[in-house]
Amino acid sequence: FINAMFGERPARFRPSFFPFVEPGVEVDMQCVFCD
């Protein structure tokens, strides 16, 4: 999805907490403003 929406760019997955998922993650992508 990130590649299709924003062009090819790295993403990283960080552990996080949400009650309805286990394990949970927050997803970051490389900044589109400064690459």
PDB file of all heavy atoms in Angstrom:
ATOM      1  N   PHE A   1       0.833  -1.209   0.000  1.00  0.00           N
ATOM      2  CA  PHE A   1       0.000   0.000   0.000  1.00  0.00           C
ATOM      3  C   PHE A   1       0.865   1.257   0.000  1.00  0.00           C
ATOM      4  O   PHE A   1       0.619   2.196  -0.768  1.00  0.00           O
ATOM      5  CB  PHE A   1      -0.917   0.002   1.217  1.00  0.00           C
ATOM      6  CG  PHE A   1      -1.489   1.359   1.526  1.00  0.00           C
ATOM      7  CD1 PHE A   1      -2.484   1.902   0.727  1.00  0.00           C
ATOM      8  CD2 PHE A   1      -1.002   2.106   2.589  1.00  0.00           C
ATOM      9  CE1 PHE A   1      -2.995   3.171   0.992  1.00  0.00           C
ATOM     10  CE2 PHE A   1      -1.499   3.362   2.861  1.00  0.00           C
ATOM     11  CZ  PHE A   1      -2.499   3.902   2.063  1.00  0.00           C
ATOM     12  N   ILE A   2       1.885   1.287   0.856  1.00  0.00           N
ATOM     13  CA  ILE A   2       2.757   2.466   0.932  1.00  0.00           C
ATOM     14  C   ILE A   2       3.436   2.713  -0.404  1.00  0.00           C
ATOM     15  O   ILE A   2       3.509   3.848  -0.891  1.00  0.00           O
ATOM     16  CB  ILE A   2       3.784   2.278   2.062  1.00  0.00           C
ATOM     17  CG1 ILE A   2       3.079   2.349   3.424  1.00  0.00           C
ATOM     18  CG2 ILE A   2       4.890   3.330   1.981  1.00  0.00           C
ATOM     19  CD1 ILE A   2       3.964   2.003   4.602  1.00  0.00           C
ATOM     20  N   ASN A   3       3.920   1.664  -1.024  1.00  0.00           N
ATOM     21  CA  ASN A   3       4.600   1.825  -2.315  1.00  0.00           C
ATOM     22  C   ASN A   3       3.643   2.342  -3.391  1.00  0.00           C
ATOM     23  O   ASN A   3       4.025   3.172  -4.225  1.00  0.00           O
ATOM     24  CB  ASN A   3       5.219   0.499  -2.752  1.00  0.00           C
ATOM     25  CG  ASN A   3       6.365   0.068  -1.861  1.00  0.00           C
ATOM     26  OD1 ASN A   3       6.918   0.862  -1.103  1.00  0.00           O
ATOM     27  ND2 ASN A   3       6.714  -1.210  -1.931  1.00  0.00           N
ATOM     28  N   ALA A   4       2.396   1.858  -3.365  1.00  0.00           N
ATOM     29  CA  ALA A   4       1.431   2.279  -4.381  1.00  0.00           C
ATOM     30  C   ALA A   4       0.943   3.706  -4.139  1.00  0.00           C
ATOM     31  O   ALA A   4       0.702   4.454  -5.088  1.00  0.00           O
ATOM     32  CB  ALA A   4       0.236   1.317  -4.402  1.00  0.00           C
ATOM     33  N   MET A   5       0.825   4.103  -2.864  1.00  0.00           N
ATOM     34  CA  MET A   5       0.261   5.411  -2.539  1.00  0.00           C
ATOM     35  C   MET A   5       1.314   6.510  -2.560  1.00  0.00           C
ATOM     36  O   MET A   5       1.040   7.632  -2.999  1.00  0.00           O
ATOM     37  CB  MET A   5      -0.407   5.358  -1.153  1.00  0.00           C
ATOM     38  CG  MET A   5      -1.244   6.569  -0.813  1.00  0.00           C
ATOM     39  SD  MET A   5      -2.818   6.522  -1.692  1.00  0.00           S
ATOM     40  CE  MET A   5      -3.455   8.174  -1.355  1.00  0.00           C
ATOM     41  N   PHE A   6       2.520   6.188  -2.093  1.00  0.00           N
ATOM     42  CA  PHE A   6       3.534   7.227  -1.905  1.00  0.00           C
ATOM     43  C   PHE A   6       4.783   7.020  -2.757  1.00  0.00           C
ATOM     44  O   PHE A   6       5.727   7.808  -2.669  1.00  0.00           O
ATOM     45  CB  PHE A   6       3.953   7.289  -0.429  1.00  0.00           C
ATOM     46  CG  PHE A   6       2.800   7.531   0.512  1.00  0.00           C
ATOM     47  CD1 PHE A   6       2.216   6.478   1.202  1.00  0.00           C
ATOM     48  CD2 PHE A   6       2.292   8.810   0.702  1.00  0.00           C
ATOM     49  CE1 PHE A   6       1.165   6.698   2.068  1.00  0.00           C
ATOM     50  CE2 PHE A   6       1.238   9.033   1.565  1.00  0.00           C
ATOM     51  CZ  PHE A   6       0.670   7.974   2.253  1.00  0.00           C
ATOM     52  N   GLY A   7       4.818   5.964  -3.540  1.00  0.00           N
ATOM     53  CA  GLY A   7       6.036   5.631  -4.255  1.00  0.00           C
ATOM     54  C   GLY A   7       6.923   4.745  -3.400  1.00  0.00           C
ATOM     55  O   GLY A   7       6.734   4.599  -2.189  1.00  0.00           O
ATOM     56  N   GLU A   8       7.905   4.129  -4.018  1.00  0.00           N
ATOM     57  CA  GLU A   8       8.790   3.199  -3.294  1.00  0.00           C
ATOM     58  C   GLU A   8       9.511   3.936  -2.170  1.00  0.00           C
ATOM     59  O   GLU A   8      10.281   4.869  -2.404  1.00  0.00           O
ATOM     60  CB  GLU A   8       9.816   2.606  -4.263  1.00  0.00           C
ATOM     61  CG  GLU A   8       9.214   1.770  -5.384  1.00  0.00           C
ATOM     62  CD  GLU A   8       8.768   0.402  -4.900  1.00  0.00           C
ATOM     63  OE1 GLU A   8       9.271  -0.042  -3.844  1.00  0.00           O
ATOM     64  OE2 GLU A   8       7.925  -0.216  -5.575  1.00  0.00           O
ATOM     65  N   ARG A   9       9.232   3.522  -0.939  1.00  0.00           N
ATOM     66  CA  ARG A   9       9.957   4.109   0.191  1.00  0.00           C
ATOM     67  C   ARG A   9       9.915   3.145   1.369  1.00  0.00           C
ATOM     68  O   ARG A   9       8.953   2.374   1.511  1.00  0.00           O
ATOM     69  CB  ARG A   9       9.409   5.483   0.577  1.00  0.00           C
ATOM     70  CG  ARG A   9       7.985   5.559   1.008  1.00  0.00           C
ATOM     71  CD  ARG A   9       7.567   7.027   1.235  1.00  0.00           C
ATOM     72  NE  ARG A   9       7.761   7.847   0.064  1.00  0.00           N
ATOM     73  CZ  ARG A   9       8.707   8.808  -0.017  1.00  0.00           C
ATOM     74  NH1 ARG A   9       9.512   9.043   1.014  1.00  0.00           N
ATOM     75  NH2 ARG A   9       8.828   9.522  -1.123  1.00  0.00           N
ATOM     76  N   PRO A  10      10.946   3.159   2.212  1.00  0.00           N
ATOM     77  CA  PRO A  10      11.039   2.207   3.328  1.00  0.00           C
ATOM     78  C   PRO A  10       9.927   2.431   4.351  1.00  0.00           C
ATOM     79  O   PRO A  10       9.403   3.538   4.496  1.00  0.00           O
ATOM     80  CB  PRO A  10      12.414   2.494   3.923  1.00  0.00           C
ATOM     81  CG  PRO A  10      13.140   3.340   2.943  1.00  0.00           C
ATOM     82  CD  PRO A  10      12.125   4.036   2.126  1.00  0.00           C
ATOM     83  N   ALA A  11       9.602   1.362   5.071  1.00  0.00           N
ATOM     84  CA  ALA A  11       8.656   1.424   6.181  1.00  0.00           C
ATOM     85  C   ALA A  11       9.246   0.665   7.350  1.00  0.00           C
ATOM     86  O   ALA A  11      10.063  -0.245   7.175  1.00  0.00           O
ATOM     87  CB  ALA A  11       7.308   0.831   5.775  1.00  0.00           C
ATOM     88  N   ARG A  12       8.858   1.051   8.537  1.00  0.00           N
ATOM     89  CA  ARG A  12       9.310   0.334   9.737  1.00  0.00           C
ATOM     90  C   ARG A  12       8.110   0.071  10.645  1.00  0.00           C
ATOM     91  O   ARG A  12       7.146   0.831  10.674  1.00  0.00           O
ATOM     92  CB  ARG A  12      10.390   1.120  10.478  1.00  0.00           C
ATOM     93  CG  ARG A  12       9.908   2.408  11.118  1.00  0.00           C
ATOM     94  CD  ARG A  12      11.042   3.129  11.838  1.00  0.00           C
ATOM     95  NE  ARG A  12      10.565   4.314  12.555  1.00  0.00           N
ATOM     96  CZ  ARG A  12      11.350   5.145  13.234  1.00  0.00           C
ATOM     97  NH1 ARG A  12      12.669   4.933  13.267  1.00  0.00           N
ATOM     98  NH2 ARG A  12      10.845   6.190  13.868  1.00  0.00           N
ATOM     99  N   PHE A  13       8.179  -1.039  11.376  1.00  0.00           N
ATOM    100  CA  PHE A  13       7.100  -1.480  12.246  1.00  0.00           C
ATOM    101  C   PHE A  13       7.594  -1.444  13.688  1.00  0.00           C
ATOM    102  O   PHE A  13       8.572  -2.119  14.035  1.00  0.00           O
ATOM    103  CB  PHE A  13       6.650  -2.893  11.860  1.00  0.00           C
ATOM    104  CG  PHE A  13       5.992  -2.971  10.511  1.00  0.00           C
ATOM    105  CD1 PHE A  13       6.723  -2.807   9.346  1.00  0.00           C
ATOM    106  CD2 PHE A  13       4.632  -3.196  10.402  1.00  0.00           C
ATOM    107  CE1 PHE A  13       6.127  -2.867   8.102  1.00  0.00           C
ATOM    108  CE2 PHE A  13       4.018  -3.268   9.158  1.00  0.00           C
ATOM    109  CZ  PHE A  13       4.762  -3.097   8.004  1.00  0.00           C
ATOM    110  N   ARG A  14       6.921  -0.661  14.536  1.00  0.00           N
ATOM    111  CA  ARG A  14       7.320  -0.522  15.935  1.00  0.00           C
ATOM    112  C   ARG A  14       6.259  -1.142  16.836  1.00  0.00           C
ATOM    113  O   ARG A  14       5.049  -0.969  16.587  1.00  0.00           O
ATOM    114  CB  ARG A  14       7.486   0.950  16.299  1.00  0.00           C
ATOM    115  CG  ARG A  14       8.609   1.651  15.565  1.00  0.00           C
ATOM    116  CD  ARG A  14       8.719   3.122  15.983  1.00  0.00           C
ATOM    117  NE  ARG A  14       7.610   3.925  15.487  1.00  0.00           N
ATOM    118  CZ  ARG A  14       6.630   4.400  16.216  1.00  0.00           C
ATOM    119  NH1 ARG A  14       6.562   4.105  17.516  1.00  0.00           N
ATOM    120  NH2 ARG A  14       5.674   5.139  15.685  1.00  0.00           N
ATOM    121  N   PRO A  15       6.651  -1.874  17.875  1.00  0.00           N
ATOM    122  CA  PRO A  15       5.654  -2.450  18.783  1.00  0.00           C
ATOM    123  C   PRO A  15       4.789  -1.356  19.413  1.00  0.00           C
ATOM    124  O   PRO A  15       5.268  -0.279  19.752  1.00  0.00           O
ATOM    125  CB  PRO A  15       6.508  -3.163  19.845  1.00  0.00           C
ATOM    126  CG  PRO A  15       7.818  -3.393  19.187  1.00  0.00           C
ATOM    127  CD  PRO A  15       8.024  -2.242  18.250  1.00  0.00           C
ATOM    128  N   SER A  16       3.514  -1.634  19.566  1.00  0.00           N
ATOM    129  CA  SER A  16       2.588  -0.690  20.179  1.00  0.00           C
ATOM    130  C   SER A  16       1.428  -1.465  20.775  1.00  0.00           C
ATOM    131  O   SER A  16       1.344  -2.691  20.624  1.00  0.00           O
ATOM    132  CB  SER A  16       2.091   0.328  19.147  1.00  0.00           C
ATOM    133  OG  SER A  16       1.330   1.343  19.778  1.00  0.00           O
ATOM    134  N   PHE A  17       0.536  -0.763  21.450  1.00  0.00           N
ATOM    135  CA  PHE A  17      -0.593  -1.416  22.111  1.00  0.00           C
ATOM    136  C   PHE A  17      -1.914  -0.855  21.584  1.00  0.00           C
ATOM    137  O   PHE A  17      -2.108   0.356  21.525  1.00  0.00           O
ATOM    138  CB  PHE A  17      -0.544  -1.206  23.632  1.00  0.00           C
ATOM    139  CG  PHE A  17      -1.826  -1.630  24.317  1.00  0.00           C
ATOM    140  CD1 PHE A  17      -2.098  -2.976  24.510  1.00  0.00           C
ATOM    141  CD2 PHE A  17      -2.745  -0.689  24.735  1.00  0.00           C
ATOM    142  CE1 PHE A  17      -3.285  -3.369  25.122  1.00  0.00           C
ATOM    143  CE2 PHE A  17      -3.934  -1.082  25.344  1.00  0.00           C
ATOM    144  CZ  PHE A  17      -4.196  -2.419  25.544  1.00  0.00           C
ATOM    145  N   PHE A  18      -2.784  -1.762  21.185  1.00  0.00           N
ATOM    146  CA  PHE A  18      -4.181  -1.463  20.885  1.00  0.00           C
ATOM    147  C   PHE A  18      -4.999  -2.606  21.464  1.00  0.00           C
ATOM    148  O   PHE A  18      -4.626  -3.781  21.299  1.00  0.00           O
ATOM    149  CB  PHE A  18      -4.425  -1.353  19.375  1.00  0.00           C
ATOM    150  CG  PHE A  18      -3.549  -0.338  18.693  1.00  0.00           C
ATOM    151  CD1 PHE A  18      -2.418  -0.740  17.989  1.00  0.00           C
ATOM    152  CD2 PHE A  18      -3.857   1.010  18.747  1.00  0.00           C
ATOM    153  CE1 PHE A  18      -1.613   0.175  17.349  1.00  0.00           C
ATOM    154  CE2 PHE A  18      -3.050   1.937  18.112  1.00  0.00           C
ATOM    155  CZ  PHE A  18      -1.921   1.528  17.415  1.00  0.00           C
ATOM    156  N   PRO A  19      -6.102  -2.343  22.154  1.00  0.00           N
ATOM    157  CA  PRO A  19      -6.833  -3.413  22.845  1.00  0.00           C
ATOM    158  C   PRO A  19      -7.322  -4.522  21.926  1.00  0.00           C
ATOM    159  O   PRO A  19      -7.494  -5.661  22.357  1.00  0.00           O
ATOM    160  CB  PRO A  19      -8.018  -2.668  23.489  1.00  0.00           C
ATOM    161  CG  PRO A  19      -7.587  -1.245  23.564  1.00  0.00           C
ATOM    162  CD  PRO A  19      -6.693  -1.018  22.394  1.00  0.00           C
ATOM    163  N   PHE A  20      -7.577  -4.206  20.649  1.00  0.00           N
ATOM    164  CA  PHE A  20      -8.216  -5.176  19.766  1.00  0.00           C
ATOM    165  C   PHE A  20      -7.223  -5.981  18.944  1.00  0.00           C
ATOM    166  O   PHE A  20      -7.631  -6.781  18.108  1.00  0.00           O
ATOM    167  CB  PHE A  20      -9.214  -4.466  18.842  1.00  0.00           C
ATOM    168  CG  PHE A  20      -8.793  -3.076  18.440  1.00  0.00           C
ATOM    169  CD1 PHE A  20      -7.952  -2.869  17.378  1.00  0.00           C
ATOM    170  CD2 PHE A  20      -9.235  -1.990  19.167  1.00  0.00           C
ATOM    171  CE1 PHE A  20      -7.556  -1.603  17.020  1.00  0.00           C
ATOM    172  CE2 PHE A  20      -8.843  -0.699  18.815  1.00  0.00           C
ATOM    173  CZ  PHE A  20      -7.995  -0.505  17.741  1.00  0.00           C
ATOM    174  N   VAL A  21      -5.923  -5.764  19.119  1.00  0.00           N
ATOM    175  CA  VAL A  21      -4.907  -6.551  18.408  1.00  0.00           C
ATOM    176  C   VAL A  21      -3.826  -7.006  19.380  1.00  0.00           C
ATOM    177  O   VAL A  21      -3.567  -6.375  20.384  1.00  0.00           O
ATOM    178  CB  VAL A  21      -4.258  -5.745  17.253  1.00  0.00           C
ATOM    179  CG1 VAL A  21      -5.263  -5.460  16.143  1.00  0.00           C
ATOM    180  CG2 VAL A  21      -3.647  -4.448  17.763  1.00  0.00           C
ATOM    181  N   GLU A  22      -3.187  -8.122  19.028  1.00  0.00           N
ATOM    182  CA  GLU A  22      -2.067  -8.643  19.832  1.00  0.00           C
ATOM    183  C   GLU A  22      -1.261  -9.608  18.964  1.00  0.00           C
ATOM    184  O   GLU A  22      -1.776 -10.667  18.595  1.00  0.00           O
ATOM    185  CB  GLU A  22      -2.589  -9.338  21.091  1.00  0.00           C
ATOM    186  CG  GLU A  22      -1.491  -9.918  21.960  1.00  0.00           C
ATOM    187  CD  GLU A  22      -0.525  -8.836  22.469  1.00  0.00           C
ATOM    188  OE1 GLU A  22      -0.979  -7.729  22.807  1.00  0.00           O
ATOM    189  OE2 GLU A  22       0.690  -9.140  22.510  1.00  0.00           O
ATOM    190  N   PRO A  23      -0.006  -9.263  18.604  1.00  0.00           N
ATOM    191  CA  PRO A  23       0.660  -8.010  18.963  1.00  0.00           C
ATOM    192  C   PRO A  23       0.182  -6.839  18.109  1.00  0.00           C
ATOM    193  O   PRO A  23      -0.390  -7.033  17.032  1.00  0.00           O
ATOM    194  CB  PRO A  23       2.120  -8.336  18.661  1.00  0.00           C
ATOM    195  CG  PRO A  23       2.048  -9.317  17.530  1.00  0.00           C
ATOM    196  CD  PRO A  23       0.842 -10.163  17.822  1.00  0.00           C
ATOM    197  N   GLY A  24       0.454  -5.623  18.606  1.00  0.00           N
ATOM    198  CA  GLY A  24       0.105  -4.418  17.871  1.00  0.00           C
ATOM    199  C   GLY A  24       1.354  -3.684  17.423  1.00  0.00           C
ATOM    200  O   GLY A  24       2.417  -3.789  18.048  1.00  0.00           O
ATOM    201  N   VAL A  25       1.242  -2.957  16.331  1.00  0.00           N
ATOM    202  CA  VAL A  25       2.394  -2.210  15.803  1.00  0.00           C
ATOM    203  C   VAL A  25       1.924  -0.839  15.338  1.00  0.00           C
ATOM    204  O   VAL A  25       0.754  -0.643  14.992  1.00  0.00           O
ATOM    205  CB  VAL A  25       3.068  -2.945  14.614  1.00  0.00           C
ATOM    206  CG1 VAL A  25       3.687  -4.246  15.067  1.00  0.00           C
ATOM    207  CG2 VAL A  25       2.076  -3.174  13.488  1.00  0.00           C
ATOM    208  N   GLU A  26       2.846   0.101  15.345  1.00  0.00           N
ATOM    209  CA  GLU A  26       2.664   1.364  14.645  1.00  0.00           C
ATOM    210  C   GLU A  26       3.614   1.366  13.457  1.00  0.00           C
ATOM    211  O   GLU A  26       4.766   0.920  13.573  1.00  0.00           O
ATOM    212  CB  GLU A  26       2.926   2.545  15.569  1.00  0.00           C
ATOM    213  CG  GLU A  26       1.824   2.757  16.602  1.00  0.00           C
ATOM    214  CD  GLU A  26       2.038   4.010  17.442  1.00  0.00           C
ATOM    215  OE1 GLU A  26       3.095   4.657  17.266  1.00  0.00           O
ATOM    216  OE2 GLU A  26       1.159   4.329  18.252  1.00  0.00           O
ATOM    217  N   VAL A  27       3.124   1.846  12.338  1.00  0.00           N
ATOM    218  CA  VAL A  27       3.894   1.771  11.101  1.00  0.00           C
ATOM    219  C   VAL A  27       4.335   3.178  10.707  1.00  0.00           C
ATOM    220  O   VAL A  27       3.510   4.098  10.612  1.00  0.00           O
ATOM    221  CB  VAL A  27       3.060   1.141   9.972  1.00  0.00           C
ATOM    222  CG1 VAL A  27       3.901   1.012   8.703  1.00  0.00           C
ATOM    223  CG2 VAL A  27       2.532  -0.226  10.414  1.00  0.00           C
ATOM    224  N   ASP A  28       5.629   3.333  10.491  1.00  0.00           N
ATOM    225  CA  ASP A  28       6.201   4.586  10.013  1.00  0.00           C
ATOM    226  C   ASP A  28       6.709   4.377   8.595  1.00  0.00           C
ATOM    227  O   ASP A  28       7.078   3.262   8.197  1.00  0.00           O
ATOM    228  CB  ASP A  28       7.378   5.037  10.887  1.00  0.00           C
ATOM    229  CG  ASP A  28       6.997   5.203  12.351  1.00  0.00           C
ATOM    230  OD1 ASP A  28       5.830   5.520  12.610  1.00  0.00           O
ATOM    231  OD2 ASP A  28       7.865   4.994  13.223  1.00  0.00           O
ATOM    232  N   MET A  29       6.756   5.446   7.843  1.00  0.00           N
ATOM    233  CA  MET A  29       7.383   5.389   6.526  1.00  0.00           C
ATOM    234  C   MET A  29       8.357   6.556   6.398  1.00  0.00           C
ATOM    235  O   MET A  29       8.286   7.539   7.139  1.00  0.00           O
ATOM    236  CB  MET A  29       6.338   5.454   5.410  1.00  0.00           C
ATOM    237  CG  MET A  29       5.672   6.785   5.253  1.00  0.00           C
ATOM    238  SD  MET A  29       4.555   6.800   3.835  1.00  0.00           S
ATOM    239  CE  MET A  29       4.058   8.518   3.846  1.00  0.00           C
ATOM    240  N   GLN A  30       9.252   6.431   5.456  1.00  0.00           N
ATOM    241  CA  GLN A  30      10.219   7.499   5.226  1.00  0.00           C
ATOM    242  C   GLN A  30       9.491   8.799   4.881  1.00  0.00           C
ATOM    243  O   GLN A  30       8.529   8.803   4.127  1.00  0.00           O
ATOM    244  CB  GLN A  30      11.166   7.107   4.091  1.00  0.00           C
ATOM    245  CG  GLN A  30      12.319   8.068   3.876  1.00  0.00           C
ATOM    246  CD  GLN A  30      13.136   7.669   2.669  1.00  0.00           C
ATOM    247  OE1 GLN A  30      12.675   7.795   1.539  1.00  0.00           O
ATOM    248  NE2 GLN A  30      14.338   7.127   2.914  1.00  0.00           N
ATOM    249  N   CYS A  31       9.913   9.900   5.458  1.00  0.00           N
ATOM    250  CA  CYS A  31       9.252  11.187   5.283  1.00  0.00           C
ATOM    251  C   CYS A  31       9.180  11.560   3.794  1.00  0.00           C
ATOM    252  O   CYS A  31      10.183  11.494   3.071  1.00  0.00           O
ATOM    253  CB  CYS A  31      10.005  12.272   6.056  1.00  0.00           C
ATOM    254  SG  CYS A  31       9.279  13.915   5.877  1.00  0.00           S
ATOM    255  N   VAL A  32       7.972  11.944   3.347  1.00  0.00           N
ATOM    256  CA  VAL A  32       7.785  12.297   1.950  1.00  0.00           C
ATOM    257  C   VAL A  32       8.257  13.713   1.645  1.00  0.00           C
ATOM    258  O   VAL A  32       8.378  14.102   0.479  1.00  0.00           O
ATOM    259  CB  VAL A  32       6.293  12.164   1.551  1.00  0.00           C
ATOM    260  CG1 VAL A  32       5.837  10.727   1.683  1.00  0.00           C
ATOM    261  CG2 VAL A  32       5.413  13.083   2.389  1.00  0.00           C
ATOM    262  N   PHE A  33       8.515  14.493   2.702  1.00  0.00           N
ATOM    263  CA  PHE A  33       8.931  15.879   2.493  1.00  0.00           C
ATOM    264  C   PHE A  33      10.448  16.017   2.369  1.00  0.00           C
ATOM    265  O   PHE A  33      10.936  16.857   1.625  1.00  0.00           O
ATOM    266  CB  PHE A  33       8.418  16.758   3.646  1.00  0.00           C
ATOM    267  CG  PHE A  33       6.923  16.845   3.718  1.00  0.00           C
ATOM    268  CD1 PHE A  33       6.207  16.000   4.558  1.00  0.00           C
ATOM    269  CD2 PHE A  33       6.221  17.759   2.949  1.00  0.00           C
ATOM    270  CE1 PHE A  33       4.835  16.075   4.628  1.00  0.00           C
ATOM    271  CE2 PHE A  33       4.839  17.839   3.019  1.00  0.00           C
ATOM    272  CZ  PHE A  33       4.138  16.986   3.862  1.00  0.00           C
ATOM    273  N   CYS A  34      11.164  15.175   3.117  1.00  0.00           N
ATOM    274  CA  CYS A  34      12.626  15.306   3.107  1.00  0.00           C
ATOM    275  C   CYS A  34      13.328  14.025   2.686  1.00  0.00           C
ATOM    276  O   CYS A  34      14.585  13.977   2.685  1.00  0.00           O
ATOM    277  CB  CYS A  34      13.117  15.739   4.487  1.00  0.00           C
ATOM    278  SG  CYS A  34      12.820  14.504   5.792  1.00  0.00           S
ATOM    279  N   ASP A  35      12.559  12.965   2.361  1.00  0.00           N
ATOM    280  CA  ASP A  35      13.137  11.676   1.967  1.00  0.00           C
ATOM    281  C   ASP A  35      14.126  11.144   3.002  1.00  0.00           C
ATOM    282  O   ASP A  35      15.169  10.589   2.674  1.00  0.00           O
ATOM    283  CB  ASP A  35      13.813  11.779   0.604  1.00  0.00           C
ATOM    284  CG  ASP A  35      12.816  11.911  -0.530  1.00  0.00           C
ATOM    285  OD1 ASP A  35      11.695  11.375  -0.392  1.00  0.00           O
ATOM    286  OD2 ASP A  35      13.139  12.577  -1.538  1.00  0.00           O
TER     287      ASP A  35
END
